Amino acid sequence: MTIGPTSPSGRYVSYHHANDRFFYDQFVTVLSNNYEVLQDNSVDRLIDSYNADYVIRCIRENYITGSSCTFVLCGAQTPWRKFVDWEIKATLDACHGVIGLNLPSNPLTAPGIYLVPDRLNDNIHSGYALWLQWNDVIYNPDLLAQQIEVARRKPAYLIHNSRALMRQNGQ
């Protein structure tokens, strides 16, 4: 989904469609009160291919073009979704901002440790990607706007995008 004015400040949302649609719908509702919603692009349904390189090229050219930031909604199954990994890769290839949103459905694996897609986690630790809590963002759209600007200004040298691509879903 691309969200934002028809300018380079649009947003793209990556999420596990089967498990996290409720949160996606809630997120779009909050954002639509503050931003223009342009289109809903469900990559895993629209691109009829399992060729990772082809899908990533399509994501980069047809989905994230015109956006400046990708939100990754992180729920319990998100780390094991290949399309989420590919969307993060395409976003990083384009040097766009990345913001991970920790959903209430994401379980703690240890004190303070949540399940996060590996490529996103690499970039959180490098300082490139931001990691925000769902409730902080949903109840404070002004914070979200501030964090989008922070994510957009991160220097590209912080990007870590050399991890091998996921080839299939699952743990």
N, C-alpha and C. Protein backbone atom coordinates (compact mmCIF):
# COMPACT_ATOMS: atom_id res chain seq x y z
N MET A 1 0.84 -1.17 0.00
CA MET A 1 0.00 0.00 0.00
C MET A 1 0.88 1.23 0.00
N THR A 2 0.58 2.16 -0.84
CA THR A 2 1.28 3.42 -0.87
C THR A 2 0.38 4.45 -0.19
N ILE A 3 0.92 5.18 0.75
CA ILE A 3 0.15 6.15 1.49
C ILE A 3 0.90 7.46 1.47
N GLY A 4 0.19 8.54 1.21
CA GLY A 4 0.82 9.85 1.26
C GLY A 4 0.40 10.68 0.08
N PRO A 5 0.83 11.91 0.06
CA PRO A 5 0.52 12.76 -1.07
C PRO A 5 1.19 12.22 -2.33
N THR A 6 0.71 12.62 -3.47
CA THR A 6 1.30 12.15 -4.72
C THR A 6 2.63 12.87 -4.94
N SER A 7 3.60 12.50 -4.15
CA SER A 7 4.94 13.07 -4.21
C SER A 7 5.90 12.02 -3.70
N PRO A 8 7.20 12.30 -3.69
CA PRO A 8 8.16 11.32 -3.19
C PRO A 8 8.04 11.02 -1.71
N SER A 9 7.05 11.56 -1.02
CA SER A 9 6.94 11.28 0.41
C SER A 9 5.90 10.21 0.70
N GLY A 10 5.50 9.42 -0.27
CA GLY A 10 4.54 8.36 -0.06
C GLY A 10 5.07 7.26 0.84
N ARG A 11 4.19 6.38 1.27
CA ARG A 11 4.56 5.28 2.17
C ARG A 11 4.10 3.95 1.58
N TYR A 12 4.84 2.90 1.90
CA TYR A 12 4.51 1.55 1.48
C TYR A 12 4.38 0.71 2.75
N VAL A 13 3.41 -0.19 2.79
CA VAL A 13 3.20 -1.04 3.97
C VAL A 13 3.42 -2.49 3.59
N SER A 14 4.30 -3.15 4.32
CA SER A 14 4.59 -4.56 4.13
C SER A 14 4.08 -5.30 5.37
N TYR A 15 3.34 -6.39 5.14
CA TYR A 15 2.78 -7.13 6.27
C TYR A 15 2.37 -8.52 5.82
N HIS A 16 2.13 -9.41 6.79
CA HIS A 16 1.65 -10.76 6.51
C HIS A 16 0.13 -10.69 6.33
N HIS A 17 -0.30 -10.83 5.09
CA HIS A 17 -1.71 -10.60 4.75
C HIS A 17 -2.67 -11.53 5.48
N ALA A 18 -2.32 -12.77 5.65
CA ALA A 18 -3.24 -13.73 6.28
C ALA A 18 -3.41 -13.46 7.78
N ASN A 19 -2.36 -13.08 8.47
CA ASN A 19 -2.43 -12.94 9.93
C ASN A 19 -2.65 -11.52 10.43
N ASP A 20 -2.19 -10.53 9.69
CA ASP A 20 -2.14 -9.17 10.24
C ASP A 20 -3.02 -8.17 9.51
N ARG A 21 -4.00 -8.65 8.77
CA ARG A 21 -4.89 -7.75 8.03
C ARG A 21 -5.65 -6.80 8.96
N PHE A 22 -6.06 -7.26 10.12
CA PHE A 22 -6.77 -6.42 11.09
C PHE A 22 -5.93 -5.18 11.43
N PHE A 23 -4.64 -5.40 11.72
CA PHE A 23 -3.76 -4.29 12.08
C PHE A 23 -3.51 -3.38 10.88
N TYR A 24 -3.35 -3.98 9.72
CA TYR A 24 -3.19 -3.20 8.49
C TYR A 24 -4.39 -2.27 8.29
N ASP A 25 -5.59 -2.80 8.41
CA ASP A 25 -6.80 -1.99 8.24
C ASP A 25 -6.86 -0.85 9.25
N GLN A 26 -6.50 -1.15 10.49
CA GLN A 26 -6.50 -0.12 11.53
C GLN A 26 -5.44 0.95 11.22
N PHE A 27 -4.28 0.53 10.77
CA PHE A 27 -3.18 1.44 10.42
C PHE A 27 -3.61 2.37 9.29
N VAL A 28 -4.23 1.81 8.26
CA VAL A 28 -4.69 2.61 7.12
C VAL A 28 -5.75 3.61 7.57
N THR A 29 -6.64 3.20 8.46
CA THR A 29 -7.67 4.11 8.95
C THR A 29 -7.03 5.31 9.66
N VAL A 30 -6.06 5.04 10.52
CA VAL A 30 -5.38 6.13 11.22
C VAL A 30 -4.65 7.02 10.23
N LEU A 31 -3.94 6.41 9.29
CA LEU A 31 -3.18 7.20 8.31
C LEU A 31 -4.09 7.98 7.38
N SER A 32 -5.23 7.40 7.02
CA SER A 32 -6.11 8.09 6.07
C SER A 32 -6.70 9.37 6.65
N ASN A 33 -6.68 9.49 7.97
CA ASN A 33 -7.11 10.73 8.60
C ASN A 33 -6.07 11.84 8.44
N ASN A 34 -4.83 11.45 8.12
CA ASN A 34 -3.74 12.41 8.04
C ASN A 34 -3.04 12.44 6.68
N TYR A 35 -3.21 11.39 5.88
CA TYR A 35 -2.53 11.29 4.59
C TYR A 35 -3.52 10.81 3.54
N GLU A 36 -3.23 11.11 2.31
CA GLU A 36 -4.04 10.59 1.20
C GLU A 36 -3.64 9.14 0.93
N VAL A 37 -4.62 8.24 0.87
CA VAL A 37 -4.35 6.84 0.56
C VAL A 37 -4.45 6.68 -0.95
N LEU A 38 -3.34 6.26 -1.57
CA LEU A 38 -3.30 6.19 -3.01
C LEU A 38 -3.76 4.85 -3.57
N GLN A 39 -3.23 3.75 -3.07
CA GLN A 39 -3.59 2.45 -3.62
C GLN A 39 -3.22 1.33 -2.66
N ASP A 40 -3.90 0.20 -2.83
CA ASP A 40 -3.61 -1.00 -2.05
C ASP A 40 -2.93 -1.98 -2.99
N ASN A 41 -1.67 -2.28 -2.74
CA ASN A 41 -0.91 -3.20 -3.58
C ASN A 41 -0.52 -4.42 -2.75
N SER A 42 -1.22 -5.51 -2.92
CA SER A 42 -0.88 -6.74 -2.22
C SER A 42 0.02 -7.55 -3.13
N VAL A 43 1.31 -7.41 -2.93
CA VAL A 43 2.31 -7.97 -3.84
C VAL A 43 2.16 -9.47 -3.99
N ASP A 44 1.92 -10.18 -2.90
CA ASP A 44 1.87 -11.64 -3.01
C ASP A 44 0.69 -12.13 -3.84
N ARG A 45 -0.27 -11.27 -4.12
CA ARG A 45 -1.40 -11.67 -4.96
C ARG A 45 -1.28 -11.11 -6.37
N LEU A 46 -0.57 -9.99 -6.53
CA LEU A 46 -0.53 -9.30 -7.83
C LEU A 46 0.61 -9.74 -8.72
N ILE A 47 1.70 -10.20 -8.17
CA ILE A 47 2.84 -10.63 -8.98
C ILE A 47 2.81 -12.14 -9.04
N ASP A 48 2.55 -12.67 -10.21
CA ASP A 48 2.38 -14.11 -10.39
C ASP A 48 3.72 -14.75 -10.71
N SER A 49 4.59 -14.79 -9.70
CA SER A 49 5.91 -15.38 -9.89
C SER A 49 6.50 -15.72 -8.53
N TYR A 50 7.34 -16.73 -8.52
CA TYR A 50 8.10 -17.07 -7.33
C TYR A 50 9.58 -16.84 -7.54
N ASN A 51 9.93 -16.18 -8.65
CA ASN A 51 11.31 -15.83 -8.95
C ASN A 51 11.65 -14.58 -8.13
N ALA A 52 12.49 -14.74 -7.13
CA ALA A 52 12.77 -13.64 -6.19
C ALA A 52 13.32 -12.41 -6.89
N ASP A 53 14.25 -12.57 -7.80
CA ASP A 53 14.84 -11.42 -8.47
C ASP A 53 13.80 -10.66 -9.29
N TYR A 54 12.94 -11.39 -9.99
CA TYR A 54 11.88 -10.75 -10.77
C TYR A 54 10.90 -10.02 -9.86
N VAL A 55 10.49 -10.66 -8.77
CA VAL A 55 9.52 -10.05 -7.85
C VAL A 55 10.12 -8.79 -7.22
N ILE A 56 11.38 -8.84 -6.81
CA ILE A 56 12.02 -7.68 -6.20
C ILE A 56 12.10 -6.53 -7.19
N ARG A 57 12.42 -6.84 -8.44
CA ARG A 57 12.47 -5.79 -9.48
C ARG A 57 11.07 -5.18 -9.66
N CYS A 58 10.03 -6.02 -9.69
CA CYS A 58 8.66 -5.51 -9.82
C CYS A 58 8.27 -4.65 -8.61
N ILE A 59 8.65 -5.10 -7.42
CA ILE A 59 8.35 -4.32 -6.22
C ILE A 59 9.01 -2.95 -6.32
N ARG A 60 10.29 -2.96 -6.67
CA ARG A 60 11.05 -1.71 -6.75
C ARG A 60 10.48 -0.78 -7.82
N GLU A 61 10.15 -1.32 -9.00
CA GLU A 61 9.72 -0.50 -10.12
C GLU A 61 8.24 -0.12 -10.08
N ASN A 62 7.39 -0.98 -9.53
CA ASN A 62 5.94 -0.78 -9.62
C ASN A 62 5.24 -0.48 -8.32
N TYR A 63 5.89 -0.73 -7.19
CA TYR A 63 5.20 -0.60 -5.92
C TYR A 63 5.82 0.45 -5.01
N ILE A 64 7.15 0.44 -4.87
CA ILE A 64 7.74 1.42 -3.96
C ILE A 64 8.21 2.68 -4.67
N THR A 65 8.20 2.68 -6.00
CA THR A 65 8.52 3.90 -6.72
C THR A 65 7.50 4.96 -6.33
N GLY A 66 7.98 6.13 -5.99
CA GLY A 66 7.09 7.19 -5.55
C GLY A 66 6.88 7.22 -4.05
N SER A 67 7.39 6.19 -3.36
CA SER A 67 7.32 6.22 -1.89
C SER A 67 8.69 6.61 -1.36
N SER A 68 8.73 6.92 -0.09
CA SER A 68 10.01 7.28 0.51
C SER A 68 10.27 6.47 1.78
N CYS A 69 9.27 5.70 2.21
CA CYS A 69 9.39 4.98 3.47
C CYS A 69 8.50 3.74 3.41
N THR A 70 9.03 2.63 3.92
CA THR A 70 8.25 1.40 4.03
C THR A 70 8.02 1.09 5.50
N PHE A 71 6.76 0.83 5.83
CA PHE A 71 6.39 0.35 7.16
C PHE A 71 6.33 -1.16 7.09
N VAL A 72 6.94 -1.84 8.05
CA VAL A 72 6.86 -3.29 8.14
C VAL A 72 6.08 -3.60 9.42
N LEU A 73 4.85 -4.10 9.25
CA LEU A 73 4.02 -4.48 10.39
C LEU A 73 4.50 -5.85 10.87
N CYS A 74 5.03 -5.92 12.08
CA CYS A 74 5.67 -7.14 12.57
C CYS A 74 4.78 -7.87 13.56
N GLY A 75 4.18 -8.96 13.09
CA GLY A 75 3.37 -9.84 13.92
C GLY A 75 4.10 -11.15 14.14
N ALA A 76 3.38 -12.12 14.67
CA ALA A 76 3.98 -13.40 15.07
C ALA A 76 4.57 -14.20 13.91
N GLN A 77 4.04 -14.07 12.70
CA GLN A 77 4.53 -14.86 11.57
C GLN A 77 5.33 -14.04 10.53
N THR A 78 5.41 -12.74 10.73
CA THR A 78 6.06 -11.86 9.76
C THR A 78 7.50 -12.26 9.43
N PRO A 79 8.32 -12.68 10.40
CA PRO A 79 9.71 -12.99 10.06
C PRO A 79 9.88 -14.12 9.05
N TRP A 80 8.85 -14.92 8.86
CA TRP A 80 8.96 -16.09 7.98
C TRP A 80 8.20 -15.93 6.67
N ARG A 81 7.93 -14.70 6.27
CA ARG A 81 7.21 -14.42 5.02
C ARG A 81 8.19 -13.91 3.97
N LYS A 82 8.37 -14.67 2.90
CA LYS A 82 9.37 -14.29 1.89
C LYS A 82 9.02 -12.98 1.21
N PHE A 83 7.75 -12.70 0.95
CA PHE A 83 7.41 -11.44 0.30
C PHE A 83 7.75 -10.24 1.18
N VAL A 84 7.61 -10.38 2.48
CA VAL A 84 8.01 -9.29 3.38
C VAL A 84 9.52 -9.07 3.26
N ASP A 85 10.29 -10.16 3.27
CA ASP A 85 11.75 -10.04 3.10
C ASP A 85 12.08 -9.36 1.78
N TRP A 86 11.40 -9.76 0.72
CA TRP A 86 11.68 -9.19 -0.60
C TRP A 86 11.29 -7.72 -0.66
N GLU A 87 10.19 -7.35 0.00
CA GLU A 87 9.77 -5.94 0.02
C GLU A 87 10.77 -5.08 0.81
N ILE A 88 11.29 -5.63 1.89
CA ILE A 88 12.32 -4.90 2.66
C ILE A 88 13.57 -4.74 1.80
N LYS A 89 13.98 -5.81 1.11
CA LYS A 89 15.16 -5.74 0.26
C LYS A 89 14.99 -4.67 -0.82
N ALA A 90 13.85 -4.68 -1.50
CA ALA A 90 13.60 -3.69 -2.55
C ALA A 90 13.62 -2.27 -1.99
N THR A 91 13.07 -2.10 -0.80
CA THR A 91 13.08 -0.79 -0.14
C THR A 91 14.50 -0.33 0.14
N LEU A 92 15.31 -1.23 0.68
CA LEU A 92 16.70 -0.89 0.99
C LEU A 92 17.51 -0.64 -0.29
N ASP A 93 17.24 -1.43 -1.34
CA ASP A 93 17.92 -1.20 -2.62
C ASP A 93 17.66 0.22 -3.12
N ALA A 94 16.46 0.74 -2.84
CA ALA A 94 16.08 2.09 -3.28
C ALA A 94 16.51 3.16 -2.27
N CYS A 95 17.14 2.74 -1.17
CA CYS A 95 17.58 3.67 -0.10
C CYS A 95 16.41 4.45 0.50
N HIS A 96 15.26 3.82 0.57
CA HIS A 96 14.10 4.44 1.21
C HIS A 96 14.15 4.17 2.71
N GLY A 97 13.45 4.97 3.48
CA GLY A 97 13.37 4.76 4.92
C GLY A 97 12.62 3.48 5.25
N VAL A 98 12.92 2.92 6.41
CA VAL A 98 12.26 1.69 6.87
C VAL A 98 11.87 1.88 8.33
N ILE A 99 10.59 1.59 8.62
CA ILE A 99 10.10 1.65 9.99
C ILE A 99 9.40 0.33 10.30
N GLY A 100 9.91 -0.38 11.30
CA GLY A 100 9.26 -1.58 11.79
C GLY A 100 8.27 -1.21 12.88
N LEU A 101 7.05 -1.72 12.77
CA LEU A 101 6.02 -1.49 13.78
C LEU A 101 5.72 -2.80 14.49
N ASN A 102 6.01 -2.85 15.77
CA ASN A 102 5.79 -4.04 16.56
C ASN A 102 4.31 -4.15 16.91
N LEU A 103 3.64 -5.17 16.36
CA LEU A 103 2.21 -5.36 16.58
C LEU A 103 1.95 -6.01 17.93
N PRO A 104 0.78 -5.76 18.52
CA PRO A 104 0.43 -6.40 19.79
C PRO A 104 0.42 -7.92 19.71
N SER A 105 0.26 -8.48 18.53
CA SER A 105 0.23 -9.94 18.36
C SER A 105 1.62 -10.57 18.31
N ASN A 106 2.66 -9.75 18.34
CA ASN A 106 4.03 -10.25 18.24
C ASN A 106 4.51 -10.67 19.63
N PRO A 107 4.79 -11.96 19.82
CA PRO A 107 5.16 -12.43 21.15
C PRO A 107 6.60 -12.07 21.53
N LEU A 108 6.81 -11.87 22.81
CA LEU A 108 8.17 -11.74 23.34
C LEU A 108 8.85 -13.10 23.28
N THR A 109 10.08 -13.14 22.80
CA THR A 109 10.83 -14.40 22.81
C THR A 109 11.79 -14.45 24.00
N ALA A 110 12.10 -13.29 24.53
CA ALA A 110 12.90 -13.11 25.74
C ALA A 110 12.58 -11.69 26.21
N PRO A 111 12.96 -11.32 27.41
CA PRO A 111 12.64 -9.96 27.87
C PRO A 111 13.12 -8.89 26.87
N GLY A 112 12.16 -8.14 26.34
CA GLY A 112 12.48 -7.06 25.40
C GLY A 112 12.81 -7.50 23.99
N ILE A 113 12.71 -8.80 23.69
CA ILE A 113 13.08 -9.33 22.37
C ILE A 113 11.82 -9.84 21.67
N TYR A 114 11.55 -9.29 20.49
CA TYR A 114 10.39 -9.68 19.69
C TYR A 114 10.85 -10.34 18.40
N LEU A 115 9.91 -11.02 17.73
CA LEU A 115 10.19 -11.61 16.44
C LEU A 115 10.23 -10.50 15.38
N VAL A 116 11.32 -10.45 14.63
CA VAL A 116 11.53 -9.41 13.63
C VAL A 116 12.15 -10.07 12.40
N PRO A 117 11.70 -9.73 11.19
CA PRO A 117 12.37 -10.27 10.00
C PRO A 117 13.87 -9.97 10.06
N ASP A 118 14.68 -10.94 9.67
CA ASP A 118 16.14 -10.82 9.79
C ASP A 118 16.69 -9.57 9.09
N ARG A 119 16.24 -9.30 7.88
CA ARG A 119 16.75 -8.15 7.12
C ARG A 119 16.38 -6.84 7.83
N LEU A 120 15.19 -6.77 8.39
CA LEU A 120 14.79 -5.60 9.16
C LEU A 120 15.65 -5.50 10.42
N ASN A 121 15.83 -6.60 11.11
CA ASN A 121 16.64 -6.61 12.32
C ASN A 121 18.07 -6.14 12.05
N ASP A 122 18.67 -6.59 10.95
CA ASP A 122 20.02 -6.12 10.57
C ASP A 122 20.06 -4.60 10.52
N ASN A 123 19.01 -4.01 9.96
CA ASN A 123 18.99 -2.56 9.74
C ASN A 123 18.55 -1.78 10.97
N ILE A 124 17.82 -2.41 11.86
CA ILE A 124 17.54 -1.78 13.16
C ILE A 124 18.86 -1.67 13.92
N HIS A 125 19.63 -2.77 13.92
CA HIS A 125 20.90 -2.79 14.66
C HIS A 125 21.95 -1.88 14.03
N SER A 126 21.90 -1.68 12.72
CA SER A 126 22.87 -0.79 12.07
C SER A 126 22.52 0.67 12.31
N GLY A 127 21.28 0.93 12.74
CA GLY A 127 20.83 2.30 12.94
C GLY A 127 20.08 2.87 11.75
N TYR A 128 19.89 2.07 10.70
CA TYR A 128 19.19 2.58 9.52
C TYR A 128 17.66 2.54 9.70
N ALA A 129 17.15 1.41 10.15
CA ALA A 129 15.69 1.25 10.31
C ALA A 129 15.27 1.65 11.72
N LEU A 130 14.05 2.14 11.81
CA LEU A 130 13.47 2.49 13.11
C LEU A 130 12.59 1.34 13.60
N TRP A 131 12.46 1.21 14.91
CA TRP A 131 11.61 0.19 15.53
C TRP A 131 10.67 0.90 16.49
N LEU A 132 9.39 0.86 16.18
CA LEU A 132 8.39 1.56 16.98
C LEU A 132 7.34 0.59 17.51
N GLN A 133 6.72 0.96 18.60
CA GLN A 133 5.65 0.16 19.18
C GLN A 133 4.31 0.60 18.60
N TRP A 134 3.48 -0.37 18.29
CA TRP A 134 2.18 -0.15 17.66
C TRP A 134 1.35 0.92 18.37
N ASN A 135 1.15 0.76 19.67
CA ASN A 135 0.28 1.69 20.41
C ASN A 135 0.82 3.12 20.40
N ASP A 136 2.14 3.27 20.42
CA ASP A 136 2.73 4.61 20.38
C ASP A 136 2.36 5.33 19.09
N VAL A 137 2.32 4.59 18.00
CA VAL A 137 2.05 5.17 16.68
C VAL A 137 0.56 5.34 16.43
N ILE A 138 -0.22 4.33 16.75
CA ILE A 138 -1.65 4.36 16.47
C ILE A 138 -2.35 5.48 17.23
N TYR A 139 -1.91 5.72 18.44
CA TYR A 139 -2.56 6.74 19.25
C TYR A 139 -1.90 8.12 19.16
N ASN A 140 -0.86 8.23 18.32
CA ASN A 140 -0.17 9.50 18.17
C ASN A 140 0.33 9.68 16.74
N PRO A 141 -0.56 10.00 15.81
CA PRO A 141 -0.14 10.17 14.42
C PRO A 141 0.93 11.25 14.22
N ASP A 142 1.01 12.22 15.11
CA ASP A 142 2.06 13.24 15.00
C ASP A 142 3.44 12.61 15.21
N LEU A 143 3.53 11.66 16.15
CA LEU A 143 4.79 10.93 16.35
C LEU A 143 5.16 10.19 15.08
N LEU A 144 4.17 9.57 14.45
CA LEU A 144 4.42 8.83 13.22
C LEU A 144 5.00 9.76 12.15
N ALA A 145 4.42 10.93 11.98
CA ALA A 145 4.91 11.88 10.98
C ALA A 145 6.36 12.28 11.29
N GLN A 146 6.68 12.49 12.56
CA GLN A 146 8.05 12.83 12.94
C GLN A 146 9.01 11.69 12.63
N GLN A 147 8.58 10.46 12.93
CA GLN A 147 9.45 9.31 12.71
C GLN A 147 9.65 9.01 11.21
N ILE A 148 8.66 9.29 10.40
CA ILE A 148 8.83 9.14 8.95
C ILE A 148 9.95 10.06 8.48
N GLU A 149 9.96 11.28 8.96
CA GLU A 149 11.02 12.22 8.57
C GLU A 149 12.38 11.75 9.07
N VAL A 150 12.44 11.21 10.28
CA VAL A 150 13.70 10.67 10.81
C VAL A 150 14.18 9.52 9.91
N ALA A 151 13.28 8.60 9.56
CA ALA A 151 13.64 7.46 8.72
C ALA A 151 14.12 7.90 7.34
N ARG A 152 13.49 8.89 6.78
CA ARG A 152 13.86 9.38 5.45
C ARG A 152 15.25 10.02 5.43
N ARG A 153 15.71 10.51 6.56
CA ARG A 153 17.00 11.21 6.62
C ARG A 153 18.17 10.31 6.99
N LYS A 154 17.93 9.04 7.23
CA LYS A 154 19.02 8.13 7.61
C LYS A 154 20.01 8.00 6.46
N PRO A 155 21.31 8.03 6.76
CA PRO A 155 22.30 7.92 5.68
C PRO A 155 22.39 6.50 5.13
N ALA A 156 22.52 6.40 3.81
CA ALA A 156 22.53 5.10 3.11
C ALA A 156 23.68 4.20 3.55
N TYR A 157 24.76 4.77 4.05
CA TYR A 157 25.89 3.91 4.45
C TYR A 157 25.53 3.00 5.62
N LEU A 158 24.42 3.27 6.31
CA LEU A 158 23.98 2.41 7.41
C LEU A 158 23.22 1.17 6.93
N ILE A 159 22.87 1.13 5.65
CA ILE A 159 22.07 0.01 5.12
C ILE A 159 22.88 -1.28 5.13
N HIS A 160 22.26 -2.34 5.66
CA HIS A 160 22.81 -3.70 5.60
C HIS A 160 21.82 -4.53 4.81
N ASN A 161 22.20 -4.89 3.59
CA ASN A 161 21.26 -5.57 2.70
C ASN A 161 21.92 -6.74 1.97
N SER A 162 22.92 -7.34 2.60
CA SER A 162 23.66 -8.42 1.94
C SER A 162 23.15 -9.82 2.32
N ARG A 163 22.21 -9.89 3.21
CA ARG A 163 21.65 -11.18 3.64
C ARG A 163 21.05 -11.92 2.44
N ALA A 164 21.20 -13.24 2.41
CA ALA A 164 20.58 -14.05 1.34
C ALA A 164 19.07 -13.90 1.39
N LEU A 165 18.45 -13.91 0.22
CA LEU A 165 17.00 -13.79 0.12
C LEU A 165 16.31 -15.03 0.67
N MET A 166 15.18 -14.83 1.30
CA MET A 166 14.33 -15.96 1.67
C MET A 166 13.81 -16.58 0.38
N ARG A 167 13.82 -17.88 0.28
CA ARG A 167 13.33 -18.56 -0.93
C ARG A 167 11.98 -19.20 -0.73
N GLN A 168 11.58 -19.38 0.54
CA GLN A 168 10.27 -19.97 0.83
C GLN A 168 9.77 -19.46 2.17
N ASN A 169 8.48 -19.55 2.37
CA ASN A 169 7.89 -19.16 3.65
C ASN A 169 8.16 -20.24 4.68
N GLY A 170 8.14 -19.85 5.92
CA GLY A 170 8.28 -20.82 7.01
C GLY A 170 9.54 -20.59 7.81
N GLN A 171 9.59 -21.25 8.95
CA GLN A 171 10.74 -21.08 9.86
C GLN A 171 11.93 -21.84 9.40
